Amino acid sequence: MEQTSSEFLRALRGHRSQVQWARRLGYKGNPITDWERGDRFPTMEEALRAAALAGVDVIAATARFAPALPLQRTGQQLLLAEWLSALRGSVSLAELAASSGFSRFAVSRWLRGRAKPRVPEFFRLLDAITGRLPEWLAELVEIALVPSLVPRFRAMHAAKQLAFEAPWTEAVLRLLETQPYLALARHEPGFLAESLGVQRAEAERCLERLLDAEIIVRRRHKYAVKGRRSTVDTRGGDRALLNLKRHWTQVAAERLAAPRPGDFFAYNVISVSRADLERVREKLRATFRELRSLVAASEPEEAAALINLQVVTFLPPEPPAPQGA
């Protein structure tokens, strides 16, 4: 994260000299050299102030990254602690500390705003919460200017594209990360197919697509995911996303015909006020966000699973607005 931080701070400087940039930020001395060498780092708050002075709309960038959880500000101060806490959801301090490598005391102070994390600390914490640090930085600067993250960024986008084209690849990717697969002495052709409930040919096609996209590699007798685990964010492209949701909903429906131990299915048909129906939707949205944070921080990976959340409304269409005279 120190190298990534130095690259990010260098990207913000752009074509200005270090001295010019230091003066633009209001420093009498020149801390920029230390930042870019990795000798010391500013707080994330100061880095985002620099981003704003470089012409980056930090609020808009963060809104694109997490539309449901926009970053807020009070006056000129960005509420970073509150934003991280919202992203964290219900993940415990112990889990987050374990996945980020920080103490619970340090994580607690950062999330409560009692201390300000420096850039590498913030990056590591955000990555532990979301698994999507490359995507956030790509909203702030050109990702090519942060070369230490380029391989992860490309792999995440390749995985996203594959998830739309061949949905089972996402499940195969998650299974390859689990302890049961890692414990195999060699790749067993039936392991993935039997775990997913698909034909062997389908599982093997997914492996070939993941290999071709360079998301996984063949190491000796098994397959391995390249780099560290990252969340596959499949937002964007309404039609493609609806098709993807339809696929996983059908998978759940087919499993309902022959449930396995550990499967859970529930439903509730209700009548409520429109206001309370919106509250139900928001609770499910919040649950989904918390689940993402929990998954990003979860170690070790011992199982793969599909989680579906739906609200289907039985409402008459809204009457058309009256036409003007």
Foldseek 3Di string as FASTA:
>chain_A
DLLLQLLLLVQLCPPDDQVVLCVLLPHPDRCNVCSNVSVDFAFVQSSVVSLVSSPAPLQVLVCVVPVVQTFDADPSGTPVLCSLPLLQFPADLVLLCVQLVHDSVVNVCSNVVVDTHTDVSVLSSVCLQFLPSLSSSVSRGPSVSSVVCVVVVLLLVLVLVCCLVQVCLVVLQLVLQAPVNVPDPADDLCPSCVQLVHDSVSSVVSVVSCVVSVQWDDDDRYIHGPDDDGDNDNDDDVVSVVVSLVVLVVSVVVCVVPPDPPDDDDDDDDDDDPVVVVVVVVVVVSVVSNVSRNVSSDPDRHDDDDDDDDDDDDDDDDDDDDDDD
